[in-house]
Amino acid sequence: MALWLLAMARCAFGGVGISTPTTAVVFPSGPAVPENLLRVELRFSAPLRIPFSMDHVKLIGSGGREIEHAFLDLPLPSADGRRVTILMDPGRVKSGLMENRILGRALHVGSTVTLIVDDPQLSAPVRKTWWVTSFDAEVPRPARWTLDLPVLGTRDALVIHLHAPLSSTAESFIAVRGPDELRVSGVGRLERGETLWRFTPRQPWKPGAYALVTHPDLEDPAGNRPCGLFEAVAASRVQCEGTVRVFRATEAKEKS
């Protein structure tokens, strides 16, 4: 009885002493990555209590052996502790650099690789297996994205078919601008292996011209931006520009 009363008291006072298991989701979330993959992102269900360490990250090749020197030993955490970006070693990814000439890329087309994260802060180790596809030499092309337009007066989602995966960081690099020239409040998220962006507004769509706006830092998983490939020697020094595409909500009878 005493133990039961203690447990009830802990629940009543905010769950003191009760910990919630922390889980992680890996991006790219799709089944495949290009051999010039640049970044991997981990999203945690709760903020990490201590800094994330690359000592707990491994990349296993098709033969079951760890791929050595695959990552840059510099995880990039978000301010809130809920995300960590892991970079593949850029010196191995980009052609012509010393590490690339000596070691080659960590990923090879036609193989499979498995990411294992066994940080003790997680409730269980995380595993994600990808099939490695050919070198990604295509930049993101917002002008070619296909828009499924919402119905006027509703809160239907605006759905953007990207036709190729974007980096998970791109989720916040796409926005909608309203007829009043202000950013439309709502929730945007990437789905289907980061090949689709869905935006649901907080208020119904109004008459007038809206704009789909992309940030200059928009990238795909290989670090390619609309203005250039990561592979290009000077790509990191190019100043990209954002894009703007105008659209209008449709009448109900026009919705396909």
Protein backbone atom coordinates (compact mmCIF):
# COMPACT_ATOMS: atom_id res chain seq x y z
CA MET A 1 0.00 0.00 0.00
CA ALA A 2 2.83 2.40 0.89
CA LEU A 3 4.49 1.85 -2.50
CA TRP A 4 1.18 2.42 -4.27
CA LEU A 5 0.65 5.70 -2.40
CA LEU A 6 4.18 6.81 -3.28
CA ALA A 7 3.59 6.08 -6.96
CA MET A 8 0.31 8.03 -6.91
CA ALA A 9 2.04 10.96 -5.24
CA ARG A 10 4.74 11.04 -7.91
CA CYS A 11 2.11 11.12 -10.66
CA ALA A 12 0.20 13.89 -8.89
CA PHE A 13 3.33 16.04 -8.64
CA GLY A 14 4.36 15.91 -12.28
CA GLY A 15 5.84 12.46 -12.52
CA VAL A 16 8.91 13.13 -10.39
CA GLY A 17 11.32 10.21 -10.70
CA ILE A 18 9.54 8.82 -13.76
CA SER A 19 11.58 8.96 -16.97
CA THR A 20 10.15 8.70 -20.47
CA PRO A 21 12.20 6.55 -22.87
CA THR A 22 13.91 8.64 -25.56
CA THR A 23 13.61 7.39 -29.11
CA ALA A 24 15.11 8.65 -32.37
CA VAL A 25 14.05 8.86 -36.01
CA VAL A 26 16.68 8.80 -38.76
CA PHE A 27 16.70 10.96 -41.89
CA PRO A 28 16.93 10.36 -44.82
CA SER A 29 13.85 8.32 -43.97
CA GLY A 30 13.50 6.66 -47.37
CA PRO A 31 14.96 3.28 -48.40
CA ALA A 32 17.81 4.66 -50.51
CA VAL A 33 20.59 7.25 -50.42
CA PRO A 34 23.03 8.40 -53.12
CA GLU A 35 26.68 7.43 -52.88
CA ASN A 36 27.50 11.13 -52.36
CA LEU A 37 25.20 11.43 -49.32
CA LEU A 38 26.40 14.37 -47.22
CA ARG A 39 24.27 14.52 -44.09
CA VAL A 40 22.19 12.37 -41.77
CA GLU A 41 19.81 13.82 -39.18
CA LEU A 42 18.57 12.29 -35.92
CA ARG A 43 15.38 13.63 -34.34
CA PHE A 44 14.78 12.72 -30.72
CA SER A 45 11.48 12.36 -28.88
CA ALA A 46 12.95 14.36 -25.98
CA PRO A 47 15.98 16.66 -25.58
CA LEU A 48 19.23 14.85 -24.87
CA ARG A 49 20.57 15.43 -21.36
CA ILE A 50 24.23 15.25 -22.31
CA PRO A 51 26.02 16.16 -25.57
CA PHE A 52 25.72 13.62 -28.36
CA SER A 53 28.96 11.75 -29.13
CA MET A 54 30.07 10.23 -32.42
CA ASP A 55 31.53 7.37 -30.38
CA HIS A 56 28.04 5.91 -30.45
CA VAL A 57 27.61 6.04 -34.25
CA LYS A 58 28.65 3.30 -36.68
CA LEU A 59 28.10 2.66 -40.36
CA ILE A 60 28.10 -1.03 -41.29
CA GLY A 61 28.71 -2.18 -44.86
CA SER A 62 27.14 -5.05 -46.79
CA GLY A 63 29.70 -7.53 -45.47
CA GLY A 64 28.92 -6.73 -41.84
CA ARG A 65 32.11 -4.77 -41.23
CA GLU A 66 32.22 -1.18 -39.99
CA ILE A 67 33.10 1.44 -42.60
CA GLU A 68 35.97 3.36 -41.04
CA HIS A 69 36.30 7.16 -41.23
CA ALA A 70 32.87 7.56 -42.79
CA PHE A 71 31.78 10.54 -40.68
CA LEU A 72 33.13 13.89 -39.68
CA ASP A 73 33.73 13.77 -35.94
CA LEU A 74 31.65 16.87 -35.31
CA PRO A 75 27.93 16.30 -34.62
CA LEU A 76 25.85 19.46 -35.01
CA PRO A 77 23.13 19.67 -32.33
CA SER A 78 20.09 21.93 -32.51
CA ALA A 79 19.59 24.56 -29.83
CA ASP A 80 16.74 22.62 -28.21
CA GLY A 81 18.66 19.33 -28.03
CA ARG A 82 16.05 17.47 -30.07
CA ARG A 83 18.05 17.15 -33.29
CA VAL A 84 21.59 16.26 -34.28
CA THR A 85 23.05 16.50 -37.77
CA ILE A 86 25.78 14.00 -38.64
CA LEU A 87 27.98 14.84 -41.61
CA MET A 88 29.59 12.29 -43.85
CA ASP A 89 33.27 13.27 -44.16
CA PRO A 90 33.12 15.99 -46.88
CA GLY A 91 36.72 15.22 -47.83
CA ARG A 92 35.62 11.75 -48.92
CA VAL A 93 32.38 12.88 -50.53
CA LYS A 94 33.81 15.51 -52.88
CA SER A 95 35.91 14.34 -55.83
CA GLY A 96 39.49 15.49 -56.11
CA LEU A 97 40.14 16.11 -52.43
CA MET A 98 42.98 14.23 -50.73
CA GLU A 99 40.77 11.94 -48.61
CA ASN A 100 38.61 11.14 -51.62
CA ARG A 101 41.67 10.18 -53.69
CA ILE A 102 43.14 8.02 -50.91
CA LEU A 103 40.07 6.44 -49.29
CA GLY A 104 37.33 6.97 -51.85
CA ARG A 105 33.73 7.52 -50.84
CA ALA A 106 32.35 5.65 -47.86
CA LEU A 107 29.26 4.63 -49.86
CA HIS A 108 29.29 2.65 -53.11
CA VAL A 109 26.45 2.28 -55.58
CA GLY A 110 24.72 -1.09 -55.45
CA SER A 111 25.64 -1.86 -51.84
CA THR A 112 23.64 -1.60 -48.63
CA VAL A 113 24.73 0.21 -45.48
CA THR A 114 23.29 0.24 -41.98
CA LEU A 115 23.54 3.16 -39.59
CA ILE A 116 23.65 2.13 -35.91
CA VAL A 117 23.26 4.66 -33.09
CA ASP A 118 23.64 3.21 -29.61
CA ASP A 119 23.76 6.35 -27.48
CA PRO A 120 22.99 5.30 -23.88
CA GLN A 121 20.42 8.08 -23.61
CA LEU A 122 18.20 6.21 -26.08
CA SER A 123 15.77 3.57 -24.90
CA ALA A 124 17.19 1.19 -27.52
CA PRO A 125 19.80 1.33 -30.28
CA VAL A 126 18.57 2.80 -33.56
CA ARG A 127 19.22 1.04 -36.87
CA LYS A 128 18.52 2.32 -40.36
CA THR A 129 19.45 0.46 -43.55
CA TRP A 130 19.75 2.12 -46.95
CA TRP A 131 20.32 0.88 -50.47
CA VAL A 132 23.04 3.01 -52.09
CA THR A 133 22.12 4.49 -55.46
CA SER A 134 24.27 6.27 -58.02
CA PHE A 135 25.90 9.66 -57.59
CA ASP A 136 23.31 12.44 -57.24
CA ALA A 137 24.20 15.05 -59.86
CA GLU A 138 20.83 16.81 -59.92
CA VAL A 139 20.11 20.04 -58.08
CA PRO A 140 16.70 20.68 -56.45
CA ARG A 141 14.40 22.38 -58.98
CA PRO A 142 11.53 24.20 -57.20
CA ALA A 143 10.25 25.51 -60.55
CA ARG A 144 9.42 21.93 -61.55
CA TRP A 145 7.63 20.91 -58.37
CA THR A 146 4.00 19.89 -58.84
CA LEU A 147 1.38 21.64 -56.69
CA ASP A 148 -1.89 20.09 -55.55
CA LEU A 149 -3.86 23.25 -54.85
CA PRO A 150 -6.21 23.59 -51.85
CA VAL A 151 -9.86 24.64 -52.04
CA LEU A 152 -10.77 28.25 -51.29
CA GLY A 153 -12.39 28.72 -47.87
CA THR A 154 -11.11 25.42 -46.47
CA ARG A 155 -8.07 24.39 -44.45
CA ASP A 156 -7.15 21.74 -47.00
CA ALA A 157 -3.44 21.05 -47.24
CA LEU A 158 -1.28 22.46 -49.99
CA VAL A 159 0.66 19.45 -51.27
CA ILE A 160 3.96 19.86 -53.13
CA HIS A 161 5.38 16.91 -55.07
CA LEU A 162 9.16 17.44 -55.05
CA HIS A 163 9.97 14.52 -57.40
CA ALA A 164 13.27 13.90 -55.57
CA PRO A 165 14.22 13.79 -51.88
CA LEU A 166 15.21 16.95 -50.05
CA SER A 167 17.30 17.14 -46.91
CA SER A 168 15.19 16.86 -43.77
CA THR A 169 16.39 20.37 -42.87
CA ALA A 170 14.44 21.64 -45.87
CA GLU A 171 11.20 21.18 -43.92
CA SER A 172 11.61 24.69 -42.47
CA PHE A 173 13.11 26.17 -45.66
CA ILE A 174 9.80 26.14 -47.53
CA ALA A 175 7.05 28.62 -46.63
CA VAL A 176 3.82 30.11 -47.90
CA ARG A 177 3.29 33.86 -48.25
CA GLY A 178 -0.26 35.18 -48.20
CA PRO A 179 -2.08 37.86 -50.22
CA ASP A 180 -1.15 40.31 -47.42
CA GLU A 181 2.57 39.62 -48.12
CA LEU A 182 2.96 37.97 -44.68
CA ARG A 183 3.97 34.40 -43.93
CA VAL A 184 0.95 32.14 -43.60
CA SER A 185 0.76 30.46 -40.21
CA GLY A 186 0.46 26.71 -40.36
CA VAL A 187 2.28 23.38 -40.20
CA GLY A 188 4.57 22.18 -42.98
CA ARG A 189 6.20 18.76 -43.00
CA LEU A 190 8.10 16.51 -45.36
CA GLU A 191 6.66 13.08 -46.09
CA ARG A 192 7.25 9.99 -48.26
CA GLY A 193 10.98 9.89 -47.83
CA GLU A 194 11.22 13.70 -48.04
CA THR A 195 9.78 13.72 -51.59
CA LEU A 196 6.56 15.52 -50.63
CA TRP A 197 5.90 18.69 -48.61
CA ARG A 198 2.47 19.10 -47.02
CA PHE A 199 1.34 22.45 -45.59
CA THR A 200 -1.83 22.82 -43.53
CA PRO A 201 -2.78 26.44 -42.71
CA ARG A 202 -4.19 27.49 -39.36
CA GLN A 203 -6.85 29.58 -41.09
CA PRO A 204 -8.91 28.87 -44.22
CA TRP A 205 -7.49 29.86 -47.60
CA LYS A 206 -8.62 33.31 -48.75
CA PRO A 207 -9.08 34.80 -52.22
CA GLY A 208 -5.96 36.31 -53.73
CA ALA A 209 -2.46 35.39 -54.76
CA TYR A 210 -0.32 33.21 -52.50
CA ALA A 211 3.34 32.41 -53.01
CA LEU A 212 5.40 29.29 -52.35
CA VAL A 213 8.76 30.58 -51.13
CA THR A 214 12.01 28.62 -50.71
CA HIS A 215 15.01 29.68 -48.62
CA PRO A 216 18.44 30.08 -50.29
CA ASP A 217 19.85 27.28 -48.07
CA LEU A 218 17.46 24.65 -49.43
CA GLU A 219 19.44 21.44 -50.07
CA ASP A 220 19.01 17.79 -50.92
CA PRO A 221 20.66 14.97 -48.92
CA ALA A 222 23.84 15.27 -51.03
CA GLY A 223 24.23 18.97 -50.20
CA ASN A 224 23.18 20.11 -53.67
CA ARG A 225 21.43 23.48 -53.78
CA PRO A 226 19.30 24.95 -56.59
CA CYS A 227 22.23 27.14 -57.66
CA GLY A 228 24.87 24.40 -57.78
CA LEU A 229 26.13 20.93 -56.93
CA PHE A 230 28.08 20.29 -53.73
CA GLU A 231 30.52 18.46 -55.97
CA ALA A 232 31.40 21.70 -57.79
CA VAL A 233 34.66 23.16 -56.50
CA ALA A 234 33.22 26.58 -55.70
CA ALA A 235 29.70 25.48 -54.78
CA SER A 236 30.15 26.26 -51.10
CA ARG A 237 31.02 29.85 -52.00
CA VAL A 238 28.06 30.48 -54.30
CA GLN A 239 25.37 32.74 -52.89
CA CYS A 240 22.06 31.14 -53.74
CA GLU A 241 18.77 32.96 -54.06
CA GLY A 242 15.38 31.82 -52.90
CA THR A 243 12.54 31.05 -55.29
CA VAL A 244 8.95 32.27 -55.43
CA ARG A 245 6.01 30.55 -57.15
CA VAL A 246 2.60 32.21 -57.17
CA PHE A 247 -0.61 30.17 -56.80
CA ARG A 248 -4.25 30.63 -55.82
CA ALA A 249 -6.65 28.42 -53.92
CA THR A 250 -9.18 26.85 -56.27
CA GLU A 251 -12.95 26.82 -56.28
CA ALA A 252 -14.42 23.56 -55.01
CA LYS A 253 -15.55 22.47 -58.48
CA GLU A 254 -12.01 22.79 -59.82
CA LYS A 255 -10.45 20.44 -57.29
CA SER A 256 -9.35 17.23 -58.93
